[in-house]
Amino acid sequence: MQIGPYELDMVYQGDCLELMKQLPDKSIDLVLTDPPYGVGLEYASYQDTEENWFKLMEAFIPEAKRVGKMVIMPSCRIRALPWIYQTFPPDWLICWYKGSTGHAAYIGFNDWEPLLVYGKNNSRMHDYMSIRPTPFDNGHPCPKPIEWAMWLIKRATNGGGSIVLDPFMGSGTTCLAAKQLGMHWLGFELEATYIEIAKKQLSQEVLSAFQ
């Protein structure tokens, strides 16, 4: 099964802004992703500066809304929310409650994080989720718990036959969650290092977007 030029249930290596241009409008049921934060994390092919984050979001959010019937993504930085609301106001927010630690936690200082939501699928979805992250190291600087992705996918799609896209696939957690839930998925990722991590998780062939 294909969508645009892409075979479903596959990982594609390349710049997601270029790869997404090949997808038809509203061809994806759910775009669920965790973009770079603009906080100086080390990537091989991307400078994670605040300036680059604004440029990336200006290009990415409109494209994600074009291809996706629904888009869910972290706000990345709380102080950027005023800019988000002025430039790309979300339809609503989901509160991800992580659990209080009383100190600087593994995943940051905040006990909760807002998730930006654009669009709406035919689902009964609440705006509060409680998923406690636990420390683990799979080689990615900021991996999300698979329970995070599964909770959102189950509630933001209509089940089997739905298509989930993660344009910033990283270690492949969102794609793995969709796979385990019996849904179709696509993963786009620029960094070869993370592609290798995702291959181990997904046991999938990686295709070059430029073949």
N, C-alpha and C. Protein backbone atom coordinates (compact mmCIF):
# COMPACT_ATOMS: atom_id res chain seq x y z
N MET A 1 0.85 -1.19 0.00
CA MET A 1 0.00 0.00 0.00
C MET A 1 0.89 1.24 0.00
N GLN A 2 0.53 2.21 -0.82
CA GLN A 2 1.33 3.43 -0.92
C GLN A 2 0.48 4.67 -0.68
N ILE A 3 1.19 5.72 -0.31
CA ILE A 3 0.57 7.04 -0.20
C ILE A 3 1.54 8.02 -0.84
N GLY A 4 1.10 8.68 -1.91
CA GLY A 4 2.04 9.44 -2.71
C GLY A 4 3.11 8.49 -3.23
N PRO A 5 4.39 8.87 -3.16
CA PRO A 5 5.44 7.97 -3.65
C PRO A 5 5.93 6.98 -2.60
N TYR A 6 5.36 7.01 -1.39
CA TYR A 6 5.90 6.25 -0.28
C TYR A 6 5.12 4.98 0.00
N GLU A 7 5.86 3.90 0.18
CA GLU A 7 5.26 2.65 0.66
C GLU A 7 5.03 2.79 2.16
N LEU A 8 3.86 2.40 2.61
CA LEU A 8 3.54 2.51 4.03
C LEU A 8 4.33 1.50 4.86
N ASP A 9 4.41 1.78 6.15
CA ASP A 9 5.10 0.93 7.12
C ASP A 9 6.59 0.84 6.81
N MET A 10 7.14 2.01 6.46
CA MET A 10 8.55 2.09 6.12
C MET A 10 9.17 3.35 6.72
N VAL A 11 10.48 3.30 6.89
CA VAL A 11 11.28 4.44 7.30
C VAL A 11 11.97 5.02 6.08
N TYR A 12 11.93 6.35 5.96
CA TYR A 12 12.60 7.03 4.86
C TYR A 12 13.60 8.03 5.43
N GLN A 13 14.82 7.97 4.93
CA GLN A 13 15.86 8.88 5.39
C GLN A 13 15.90 10.12 4.52
N GLY A 14 15.83 11.30 5.15
CA GLY A 14 15.88 12.55 4.42
C GLY A 14 15.30 13.67 5.24
N ASP A 15 15.32 14.86 4.68
CA ASP A 15 14.78 16.06 5.32
C ASP A 15 13.25 16.00 5.26
N CYS A 16 12.60 16.00 6.41
CA CYS A 16 11.14 15.83 6.42
C CYS A 16 10.43 16.95 5.68
N LEU A 17 10.99 18.16 5.65
CA LEU A 17 10.33 19.26 4.95
C LEU A 17 10.26 18.98 3.45
N GLU A 18 11.27 18.30 2.93
CA GLU A 18 11.26 17.91 1.52
C GLU A 18 10.39 16.67 1.29
N LEU A 19 10.47 15.71 2.19
CA LEU A 19 9.71 14.47 2.02
C LEU A 19 8.21 14.71 2.12
N MET A 20 7.80 15.61 3.00
CA MET A 20 6.37 15.86 3.20
C MET A 20 5.74 16.52 1.98
N LYS A 21 6.54 17.22 1.17
CA LYS A 21 6.00 17.87 -0.03
C LYS A 21 5.39 16.86 -1.00
N GLN A 22 5.81 15.60 -0.89
CA GLN A 22 5.33 14.56 -1.80
C GLN A 22 4.04 13.91 -1.32
N LEU A 23 3.56 14.30 -0.15
CA LEU A 23 2.33 13.71 0.40
C LEU A 23 1.12 14.53 -0.01
N PRO A 24 0.02 13.88 -0.41
CA PRO A 24 -1.21 14.62 -0.74
C PRO A 24 -1.81 15.30 0.49
N ASP A 25 -2.62 16.32 0.24
CA ASP A 25 -3.30 17.02 1.33
C ASP A 25 -4.17 16.05 2.13
N LYS A 26 -4.10 16.18 3.46
CA LYS A 26 -4.94 15.41 4.39
C LYS A 26 -4.88 13.90 4.12
N SER A 27 -3.71 13.43 3.72
CA SER A 27 -3.54 12.01 3.44
C SER A 27 -3.13 11.21 4.68
N ILE A 28 -2.78 11.92 5.76
CA ILE A 28 -2.32 11.28 6.99
C ILE A 28 -3.37 11.50 8.08
N ASP A 29 -3.75 10.42 8.76
CA ASP A 29 -4.75 10.56 9.82
C ASP A 29 -4.19 11.29 11.03
N LEU A 30 -2.95 10.97 11.40
CA LEU A 30 -2.34 11.60 12.57
C LEU A 30 -0.86 11.84 12.32
N VAL A 31 -0.44 13.10 12.43
CA VAL A 31 0.98 13.44 12.48
C VAL A 31 1.32 13.58 13.97
N LEU A 32 2.08 12.65 14.47
CA LEU A 32 2.49 12.65 15.88
C LEU A 32 4.01 12.67 15.91
N THR A 33 4.58 13.73 16.48
CA THR A 33 6.02 13.88 16.37
C THR A 33 6.58 14.70 17.52
N ASP A 34 7.90 14.67 17.66
CA ASP A 34 8.62 15.37 18.71
C ASP A 34 9.81 16.09 18.08
N PRO A 35 9.59 17.32 17.56
CA PRO A 35 10.66 18.02 16.83
C PRO A 35 11.81 18.44 17.74
N PRO A 36 12.92 18.89 17.15
CA PRO A 36 13.99 19.48 17.95
C PRO A 36 13.47 20.63 18.82
N TYR A 37 14.14 20.87 19.93
CA TYR A 37 13.63 21.81 20.93
C TYR A 37 14.24 23.21 20.83
N GLY A 38 15.37 23.35 20.12
CA GLY A 38 16.03 24.65 20.09
C GLY A 38 16.74 24.97 21.39
N VAL A 39 17.29 23.93 22.04
CA VAL A 39 17.92 24.12 23.35
C VAL A 39 19.37 23.66 23.35
N GLY A 40 19.94 23.44 22.16
CA GLY A 40 21.35 23.11 22.09
C GLY A 40 21.69 21.64 22.19
N LEU A 41 20.71 20.75 21.94
CA LEU A 41 21.04 19.33 21.90
C LEU A 41 21.96 19.06 20.70
N GLU A 42 22.76 18.02 20.81
CA GLU A 42 23.75 17.73 19.78
C GLU A 42 23.17 16.78 18.73
N TYR A 43 23.07 17.28 17.50
CA TYR A 43 22.69 16.46 16.35
C TYR A 43 23.81 16.53 15.33
N ALA A 44 23.93 15.49 14.52
CA ALA A 44 25.01 15.45 13.54
C ALA A 44 24.77 16.41 12.39
N SER A 45 23.50 16.60 11.99
CA SER A 45 23.20 17.35 10.77
C SER A 45 22.33 18.58 11.00
N TYR A 46 22.11 18.94 12.25
CA TYR A 46 21.21 20.06 12.55
C TYR A 46 21.73 20.83 13.75
N GLN A 47 21.77 22.15 13.63
CA GLN A 47 22.18 23.02 14.73
C GLN A 47 20.94 23.36 15.55
N ASP A 48 20.87 22.86 16.77
CA ASP A 48 19.67 22.98 17.60
C ASP A 48 19.65 24.30 18.36
N THR A 49 19.68 25.41 17.61
CA THR A 49 19.65 26.72 18.23
C THR A 49 18.21 27.25 18.29
N GLU A 50 18.00 28.25 19.12
CA GLU A 50 16.68 28.86 19.22
C GLU A 50 16.27 29.49 17.89
N GLU A 51 17.21 30.15 17.23
CA GLU A 51 16.92 30.78 15.93
C GLU A 51 16.48 29.74 14.91
N ASN A 52 17.19 28.61 14.86
CA ASN A 52 16.83 27.56 13.91
C ASN A 52 15.49 26.92 14.26
N TRP A 53 15.16 26.87 15.54
CA TRP A 53 13.87 26.31 15.95
C TRP A 53 12.72 27.13 15.38
N PHE A 54 12.81 28.47 15.48
CA PHE A 54 11.76 29.32 14.92
C PHE A 54 11.64 29.11 13.41
N LYS A 55 12.77 29.05 12.71
CA LYS A 55 12.74 28.83 11.26
C LYS A 55 12.12 27.48 10.93
N LEU A 56 12.48 26.47 11.71
CA LEU A 56 11.95 25.13 11.47
C LEU A 56 10.44 25.08 11.67
N MET A 57 9.97 25.68 12.75
CA MET A 57 8.54 25.65 13.04
C MET A 57 7.74 26.44 11.99
N GLU A 58 8.31 27.55 11.52
CA GLU A 58 7.62 28.34 10.48
C GLU A 58 7.41 27.53 9.21
N ALA A 59 8.32 26.62 8.92
CA ALA A 59 8.19 25.78 7.73
C ALA A 59 7.40 24.51 8.02
N PHE A 60 7.62 23.95 9.21
CA PHE A 60 7.06 22.62 9.49
C PHE A 60 5.57 22.63 9.84
N ILE A 61 5.14 23.52 10.71
CA ILE A 61 3.75 23.47 11.18
C ILE A 61 2.75 23.59 10.04
N PRO A 62 2.90 24.56 9.11
CA PRO A 62 1.94 24.61 7.99
C PRO A 62 1.92 23.34 7.15
N GLU A 63 3.09 22.74 6.95
CA GLU A 63 3.16 21.53 6.14
C GLU A 63 2.52 20.35 6.87
N ALA A 64 2.75 20.26 8.17
CA ALA A 64 2.13 19.20 8.96
C ALA A 64 0.61 19.33 8.94
N LYS A 65 0.11 20.55 9.05
CA LYS A 65 -1.34 20.78 9.01
C LYS A 65 -1.91 20.48 7.63
N ARG A 66 -1.11 20.67 6.60
CA ARG A 66 -1.58 20.39 5.24
C ARG A 66 -1.78 18.90 5.02
N VAL A 67 -0.79 18.10 5.45
CA VAL A 67 -0.86 16.66 5.17
C VAL A 67 -1.68 15.90 6.20
N GLY A 68 -1.80 16.44 7.42
CA GLY A 68 -2.42 15.69 8.49
C GLY A 68 -3.84 16.15 8.80
N LYS A 69 -4.72 15.19 9.01
CA LYS A 69 -6.07 15.51 9.50
C LYS A 69 -6.00 15.98 10.95
N MET A 70 -4.98 15.49 11.66
CA MET A 70 -4.75 15.90 13.03
C MET A 70 -3.25 15.89 13.27
N VAL A 71 -2.77 16.89 14.02
CA VAL A 71 -1.34 17.01 14.33
C VAL A 71 -1.20 17.17 15.84
N ILE A 72 -0.32 16.37 16.44
CA ILE A 72 -0.02 16.50 17.87
C ILE A 72 1.49 16.56 18.03
N MET A 73 1.96 17.55 18.78
CA MET A 73 3.40 17.70 19.00
C MET A 73 3.64 18.49 20.27
N PRO A 74 4.75 18.25 20.97
CA PRO A 74 5.08 19.06 22.14
C PRO A 74 5.30 20.52 21.75
N SER A 75 5.02 21.41 22.69
CA SER A 75 5.29 22.83 22.43
C SER A 75 6.79 23.10 22.46
N CYS A 76 7.56 22.13 22.96
CA CYS A 76 9.03 22.18 23.01
C CYS A 76 9.54 23.13 24.08
N ARG A 77 9.11 24.38 24.06
CA ARG A 77 9.57 25.33 25.07
C ARG A 77 8.37 26.17 25.52
N ILE A 78 8.11 26.17 26.83
CA ILE A 78 6.95 26.89 27.37
C ILE A 78 7.00 28.37 26.98
N ARG A 79 8.17 28.97 27.00
CA ARG A 79 8.25 30.40 26.74
C ARG A 79 7.96 30.74 25.28
N ALA A 80 7.94 29.71 24.42
CA ALA A 80 7.61 29.94 23.02
C ALA A 80 6.12 29.90 22.76
N LEU A 81 5.31 29.57 23.76
CA LEU A 81 3.87 29.47 23.55
C LEU A 81 3.24 30.77 23.06
N PRO A 82 3.64 31.95 23.56
CA PRO A 82 3.05 33.19 22.99
C PRO A 82 3.29 33.30 21.49
N TRP A 83 4.49 32.95 21.04
CA TRP A 83 4.78 33.00 19.60
C TRP A 83 3.92 31.98 18.85
N ILE A 84 3.79 30.78 19.41
CA ILE A 84 2.96 29.75 18.79
C ILE A 84 1.53 30.26 18.62
N TYR A 85 0.97 30.85 19.67
CA TYR A 85 -0.42 31.31 19.62
C TYR A 85 -0.60 32.48 18.66
N GLN A 86 0.41 33.31 18.51
CA GLN A 86 0.32 34.43 17.58
C GLN A 86 0.50 33.98 16.14
N THR A 87 1.30 32.94 15.92
CA THR A 87 1.68 32.55 14.56
C THR A 87 0.89 31.36 14.05
N PHE A 88 0.80 30.31 14.86
CA PHE A 88 0.08 29.09 14.49
C PHE A 88 -0.77 28.63 15.67
N PRO A 89 -1.84 29.34 15.98
CA PRO A 89 -2.62 29.00 17.17
C PRO A 89 -3.19 27.59 17.08
N PRO A 90 -2.95 26.76 18.11
CA PRO A 90 -3.48 25.40 18.09
C PRO A 90 -4.98 25.41 18.33
N ASP A 91 -5.63 24.32 17.94
CA ASP A 91 -7.06 24.18 18.20
C ASP A 91 -7.31 23.90 19.67
N TRP A 92 -6.39 23.19 20.30
CA TRP A 92 -6.45 22.96 21.73
C TRP A 92 -5.14 22.40 22.22
N LEU A 93 -5.02 22.22 23.54
CA LEU A 93 -3.82 21.67 24.16
C LEU A 93 -4.17 20.40 24.92
N ILE A 94 -3.20 19.51 25.00
CA ILE A 94 -3.28 18.35 25.89
C ILE A 94 -2.24 18.54 26.99
N CYS A 95 -2.63 18.34 28.21
CA CYS A 95 -1.69 18.38 29.33
C CYS A 95 -1.10 16.99 29.53
N TRP A 96 0.21 16.88 29.33
CA TRP A 96 0.90 15.63 29.65
C TRP A 96 1.47 15.76 31.05
N TYR A 97 0.87 15.07 32.01
CA TYR A 97 1.37 15.09 33.39
C TYR A 97 2.38 13.97 33.55
N LYS A 98 3.59 14.34 33.95
CA LYS A 98 4.70 13.38 34.04
C LYS A 98 4.90 12.83 35.44
N GLY A 99 4.40 13.55 36.44
CA GLY A 99 4.62 13.13 37.82
C GLY A 99 5.67 13.98 38.49
N SER A 100 5.38 14.38 39.70
CA SER A 100 6.27 15.28 40.42
C SER A 100 7.48 14.54 40.99
N THR A 101 8.64 15.18 40.88
CA THR A 101 9.87 14.60 41.43
C THR A 101 10.48 15.47 42.51
N GLY A 102 10.09 16.75 42.54
CA GLY A 102 10.61 17.64 43.56
C GLY A 102 12.00 18.16 43.26
N HIS A 103 12.54 17.85 42.11
CA HIS A 103 13.87 18.34 41.72
C HIS A 103 13.96 18.29 40.20
N ALA A 104 15.11 18.71 39.66
CA ALA A 104 15.29 18.65 38.21
C ALA A 104 15.21 17.20 37.76
N ALA A 105 14.21 16.89 36.97
CA ALA A 105 13.91 15.50 36.63
C ALA A 105 14.67 15.05 35.39
N TYR A 106 14.60 13.76 35.13
CA TYR A 106 15.26 13.17 33.96
C TYR A 106 14.80 13.83 32.68
N ILE A 107 13.53 14.18 32.61
CA ILE A 107 12.99 14.72 31.36
C ILE A 107 12.84 16.24 31.40
N GLY A 108 13.30 16.90 32.48
CA GLY A 108 13.23 18.35 32.55
C GLY A 108 12.75 18.81 33.92
N PHE A 109 12.53 20.10 34.05
CA PHE A 109 12.14 20.66 35.33
C PHE A 109 10.63 20.63 35.54
N ASN A 110 9.86 20.61 34.47
CA ASN A 110 8.41 20.70 34.60
C ASN A 110 7.79 19.34 34.90
N ASP A 111 6.76 19.36 35.76
CA ASP A 111 6.01 18.14 36.05
C ASP A 111 4.94 17.88 35.01
N TRP A 112 4.70 18.82 34.13
CA TRP A 112 3.74 18.63 33.05
C TRP A 112 4.25 19.36 31.82
N GLU A 113 3.70 18.99 30.68
CA GLU A 113 4.11 19.60 29.41
C GLU A 113 2.89 19.74 28.50
N PRO A 114 2.72 20.91 27.87
CA PRO A 114 1.60 21.06 26.94
C PRO A 114 1.93 20.47 25.57
N LEU A 115 0.97 19.75 25.02
CA LEU A 115 1.07 19.24 23.66
C LEU A 115 0.16 20.06 22.77
N LEU A 116 0.67 20.55 21.64
CA LEU A 116 -0.12 21.32 20.69
C LEU A 116 -0.96 20.37 19.85
N VAL A 117 -2.21 20.74 19.61
CA VAL A 117 -3.10 19.90 18.82
C VAL A 117 -3.74 20.75 17.72
N TYR A 118 -3.60 20.28 16.49
CA TYR A 118 -4.24 20.92 15.33
C TYR A 118 -5.16 19.90 14.67
N GLY A 119 -6.37 20.32 14.33
CA GLY A 119 -7.30 19.43 13.66
C GLY A 119 -8.04 18.53 14.62
N LYS A 120 -8.90 17.68 14.05
CA LYS A 120 -9.71 16.80 14.88
C LYS A 120 -10.14 15.59 14.07
N ASN A 121 -9.92 14.41 14.63
CA ASN A 121 -10.44 13.18 14.06
C ASN A 121 -11.74 12.81 14.78
N ASN A 122 -12.43 11.85 14.25
CA ASN A 122 -13.68 11.41 14.86
C ASN A 122 -13.37 10.52 16.05
N SER A 123 -12.97 11.13 17.15
CA SER A 123 -12.58 10.36 18.33
C SER A 123 -13.03 11.08 19.59
N ARG A 124 -13.13 10.33 20.65
CA ARG A 124 -13.46 10.90 21.96
C ARG A 124 -12.16 11.00 22.75
N MET A 125 -11.59 12.17 22.75
CA MET A 125 -10.26 12.35 23.30
C MET A 125 -10.27 13.45 24.35
N HIS A 126 -9.70 13.17 25.50
CA HIS A 126 -9.62 14.15 26.57
C HIS A 126 -8.32 14.95 26.47
N ASP A 127 -8.22 16.02 27.25
CA ASP A 127 -7.07 16.91 27.14
C ASP A 127 -6.08 16.73 28.29
N TYR A 128 -6.09 15.54 28.91
CA TYR A 128 -5.17 15.27 30.02
C TYR A 128 -4.68 13.83 29.90
N MET A 129 -3.37 13.65 29.99
CA MET A 129 -2.78 12.32 29.98
C MET A 129 -1.73 12.24 31.08
N SER A 130 -1.66 11.11 31.73
CA SER A 130 -0.70 10.89 32.80
C SER A 130 0.17 9.70 32.43
N ILE A 131 1.35 9.99 31.92
CA ILE A 131 2.32 8.97 31.53
C ILE A 131 3.63 9.34 32.22
N ARG A 132 4.10 8.47 33.11
CA ARG A 132 5.32 8.76 33.86
C ARG A 132 6.53 8.23 33.09
N PRO A 133 7.42 9.12 32.65
CA PRO A 133 8.62 8.66 31.95
C PRO A 133 9.60 8.00 32.92
N THR A 134 10.27 6.96 32.45
CA THR A 134 11.31 6.31 33.24
C THR A 134 12.61 6.38 32.45
N PRO A 135 13.72 6.62 33.13
CA PRO A 135 15.00 6.77 32.43
C PRO A 135 15.38 5.52 31.64
N PHE A 136 15.76 5.72 30.39
CA PHE A 136 16.32 4.65 29.59
C PHE A 136 17.21 5.27 28.54
N ASP A 137 18.14 4.50 28.03
CA ASP A 137 19.12 5.00 27.06
C ASP A 137 19.10 4.11 25.84
N ASN A 138 18.57 4.65 24.73
CA ASN A 138 18.62 3.89 23.48
C ASN A 138 19.49 4.58 22.44
N GLY A 139 20.26 5.58 22.89
CA GLY A 139 21.16 6.28 21.98
C GLY A 139 20.62 7.60 21.46
N HIS A 140 19.35 7.90 21.74
CA HIS A 140 18.75 9.17 21.33
C HIS A 140 18.74 10.11 22.53
N PRO A 141 19.01 11.43 22.33
CA PRO A 141 19.12 12.34 23.47
C PRO A 141 17.82 12.60 24.21
N CYS A 142 16.68 12.38 23.57
CA CYS A 142 15.41 12.70 24.23
C CYS A 142 14.31 11.73 23.80
N PRO A 143 14.44 10.45 24.15
CA PRO A 143 13.42 9.48 23.74
C PRO A 143 12.14 9.64 24.55
N LYS A 144 11.00 9.44 23.89
CA LYS A 144 9.71 9.46 24.57
C LYS A 144 9.32 8.03 24.96
N PRO A 145 8.58 7.88 26.06
CA PRO A 145 8.10 6.53 26.42
C PRO A 145 7.11 6.03 25.36
N ILE A 146 7.16 4.75 25.07
CA ILE A 146 6.24 4.21 24.07
C ILE A 146 4.80 4.34 24.54
N GLU A 147 4.57 4.35 25.86
CA GLU A 147 3.21 4.53 26.38
C GLU A 147 2.65 5.89 25.99
N TRP A 148 3.52 6.89 25.88
CA TRP A 148 3.12 8.25 25.46
C TRP A 148 2.52 8.20 24.06
N ALA A 149 3.23 7.54 23.16
CA ALA A 149 2.77 7.46 21.77
C ALA A 149 1.52 6.59 21.66
N MET A 150 1.48 5.49 22.39
CA MET A 150 0.33 4.59 22.28
C MET A 150 -0.94 5.25 22.82
N TRP A 151 -0.83 5.98 23.91
CA TRP A 151 -1.99 6.67 24.49
C TRP A 151 -2.57 7.64 23.46
N LEU A 152 -1.71 8.42 22.83
CA LEU A 152 -2.17 9.44 21.88
C LEU A 152 -2.71 8.80 20.60
N ILE A 153 -2.01 7.81 20.07
CA ILE A 153 -2.45 7.18 18.82
C ILE A 153 -3.81 6.52 19.00
N LYS A 154 -4.00 5.80 20.10
CA LYS A 154 -5.27 5.11 20.32
C LYS A 154 -6.44 6.07 20.39
N ARG A 155 -6.21 7.28 20.90
CA ARG A 155 -7.31 8.22 21.11
C ARG A 155 -7.48 9.20 19.96
N ALA A 156 -6.44 9.40 19.17
CA ALA A 156 -6.50 10.41 18.11
C ALA A 156 -6.72 9.81 16.73
N THR A 157 -6.94 8.50 16.66
CA THR A 157 -7.23 7.85 15.38
C THR A 157 -8.48 7.00 15.53
N ASN A 158 -8.91 6.47 14.42
CA ASN A 158 -10.09 5.61 14.41
C ASN A 158 -9.73 4.14 14.28
N GLY A 159 -8.53 3.78 14.74
CA GLY A 159 -8.17 2.37 14.78
C GLY A 159 -7.55 1.86 13.51
N GLY A 160 -7.71 0.56 13.28
CA GLY A 160 -7.08 -0.12 12.16
C GLY A 160 -7.33 0.58 10.83
N GLY A 161 -6.30 0.63 10.01
CA GLY A 161 -6.39 1.33 8.73
C GLY A 161 -5.94 2.77 8.80
N SER A 162 -5.84 3.33 10.00
CA SER A 162 -5.36 4.70 10.15
C SER A 162 -3.87 4.77 9.79
N ILE A 163 -3.44 5.95 9.34
CA ILE A 163 -2.04 6.17 8.96
C ILE A 163 -1.44 7.20 9.90
N VAL A 164 -0.32 6.83 10.53
CA VAL A 164 0.39 7.70 11.46
C VAL A 164 1.73 8.07 10.85
N LEU A 165 2.06 9.35 10.86
CA LEU A 165 3.34 9.85 10.36
C LEU A 165 4.12 10.50 11.48
N ASP A 166 5.41 10.14 11.59
CA ASP A 166 6.33 10.86 12.47
C ASP A 166 7.43 11.46 11.60
N PRO A 167 7.35 12.77 11.32
CA PRO A 167 8.36 13.40 10.44
C PRO A 167 9.73 13.56 11.09
N PHE A 168 9.79 13.60 12.44
CA PHE A 168 11.05 13.65 13.17
C PHE A 168 11.15 12.34 13.95
N MET A 169 11.38 11.25 13.26
CA MET A 169 11.17 9.92 13.82
C MET A 169 12.11 9.57 14.96
N GLY A 170 13.34 10.11 14.93
CA GLY A 170 14.28 9.78 15.99
C GLY A 170 14.52 8.29 16.09
N SER A 171 14.35 7.74 17.28
CA SER A 171 14.61 6.32 17.51
C SER A 171 13.44 5.43 17.13
N GLY A 172 12.36 6.00 16.63
CA GLY A 172 11.28 5.20 16.05
C GLY A 172 10.15 4.82 17.00
N THR A 173 10.07 5.47 18.17
CA THR A 173 9.08 5.08 19.16
C THR A 173 7.65 5.23 18.67
N THR A 174 7.33 6.36 18.03
CA THR A 174 5.96 6.58 17.54
C THR A 174 5.59 5.55 16.48
N CYS A 175 6.51 5.26 15.58
CA CYS A 175 6.24 4.27 14.54
C CYS A 175 6.07 2.88 15.14
N LEU A 176 6.87 2.57 16.15
CA LEU A 176 6.74 1.28 16.81
C LEU A 176 5.39 1.16 17.51
N ALA A 177 4.94 2.24 18.14
CA ALA A 177 3.63 2.23 18.80
C ALA A 177 2.52 1.98 17.79
N ALA A 178 2.58 2.69 16.65
CA ALA A 178 1.57 2.50 15.61
C ALA A 178 1.60 1.06 15.09
N LYS A 179 2.78 0.53 14.89
CA LYS A 179 2.93 -0.85 14.42
C LYS A 179 2.31 -1.82 15.40
N GLN A 180 2.59 -1.64 16.69
CA GLN A 180 2.06 -2.54 17.70
C GLN A 180 0.54 -2.43 17.83
N LEU A 181 0.00 -1.27 17.48
CA LEU A 181 -1.45 -1.07 17.54
C LEU A 181 -2.15 -1.51 16.24
N GLY A 182 -1.38 -2.03 15.30
CA GLY A 182 -1.96 -2.54 14.07
C GLY A 182 -2.35 -1.48 13.07
N MET A 183 -1.67 -0.34 13.10
CA MET A 183 -1.97 0.75 12.18
C MET A 183 -0.82 0.93 11.18
N HIS A 184 -1.12 1.62 10.10
CA HIS A 184 -0.09 1.94 9.13
C HIS A 184 0.72 3.14 9.63
N TRP A 185 1.96 3.23 9.20
CA TRP A 185 2.82 4.30 9.68
C TRP A 185 3.89 4.64 8.63
N LEU A 186 4.42 5.85 8.80
CA LEU A 186 5.56 6.33 8.02
C LEU A 186 6.51 7.04 8.97
N GLY A 187 7.80 6.82 8.79
CA GLY A 187 8.80 7.53 9.59
C GLY A 187 9.79 8.24 8.70
N PHE A 188 9.99 9.55 8.94
CA PHE A 188 11.00 10.34 8.23
C PHE A 188 12.08 10.72 9.24
N GLU A 189 13.33 10.56 8.87
CA GLU A 189 14.42 10.91 9.78
C GLU A 189 15.66 11.29 8.98
N LEU A 190 16.30 12.37 9.40
CA LEU A 190 17.48 12.89 8.71
C LEU A 190 18.76 12.21 9.18
N GLU A 191 18.87 11.96 10.49
CA GLU A 191 20.12 11.50 11.08
C GLU A 191 20.32 9.99 10.90
N ALA A 192 21.45 9.62 10.31
CA ALA A 192 21.74 8.20 10.08
C ALA A 192 21.87 7.43 11.38
N THR A 193 22.41 8.08 12.42
CA THR A 193 22.58 7.40 13.71
C THR A 193 21.25 6.95 14.28
N TYR A 194 20.24 7.82 14.20
CA TYR A 194 18.93 7.48 14.74
C TYR A 194 18.21 6.46 13.86
N ILE A 195 18.50 6.51 12.56
CA ILE A 195 17.95 5.51 11.65
C ILE A 195 18.36 4.11 12.10
N GLU A 196 19.60 3.96 12.49
CA GLU A 196 20.10 2.65 12.92
C GLU A 196 19.38 2.19 14.18
N ILE A 197 19.12 3.12 15.11
CA ILE A 197 18.38 2.77 16.32
C ILE A 197 16.96 2.32 15.96
N ALA A 198 16.33 3.08 15.07
CA ALA A 198 14.96 2.76 14.66
C ALA A 198 14.90 1.42 13.95
N LYS A 199 15.90 1.11 13.14
CA LYS A 199 15.93 -0.18 12.44
C LYS A 199 15.88 -1.34 13.43
N LYS A 200 16.61 -1.21 14.52
CA LYS A 200 16.61 -2.27 15.52
C LYS A 200 15.25 -2.40 16.19
N GLN A 201 14.60 -1.23 16.43
CA GLN A 201 13.28 -1.27 17.06
C GLN A 201 12.22 -1.82 16.13
N LEU A 202 12.29 -1.42 14.87
CA LEU A 202 11.21 -1.71 13.93
C LEU A 202 11.49 -2.92 13.05
N SER A 203 12.74 -3.32 12.97
CA SER A 203 13.14 -4.42 12.08
C SER A 203 12.65 -4.17 10.66
N GLN A 204 12.88 -2.95 10.18
CA GLN A 204 12.38 -2.56 8.87
C GLN A 204 13.54 -2.14 7.96
N GLU A 205 13.35 -2.34 6.69
CA GLU A 205 14.28 -1.82 5.70
C GLU A 205 14.14 -0.30 5.66
N VAL A 206 15.28 0.38 5.52
CA VAL A 206 15.28 1.84 5.42
C VAL A 206 15.46 2.22 3.96
N LEU A 207 14.57 3.06 3.43
CA LEU A 207 14.64 3.47 2.04
C LEU A 207 15.16 4.89 1.93
N SER A 208 15.97 5.15 0.94
CA SER A 208 16.43 6.51 0.68
C SER A 208 15.37 7.25 -0.14
N ALA A 209 15.10 8.46 0.25
CA ALA A 209 14.12 9.27 -0.49
C ALA A 209 14.65 9.69 -1.85
N PHE A 210 15.95 9.50 -2.07
CA PHE A 210 16.56 10.01 -3.28
C PHE A 210 17.00 8.91 -4.23
N GLN A 211 16.51 7.67 -4.03
CA GLN A 211 16.82 6.57 -4.94
C GLN A 211 16.11 6.78 -6.27
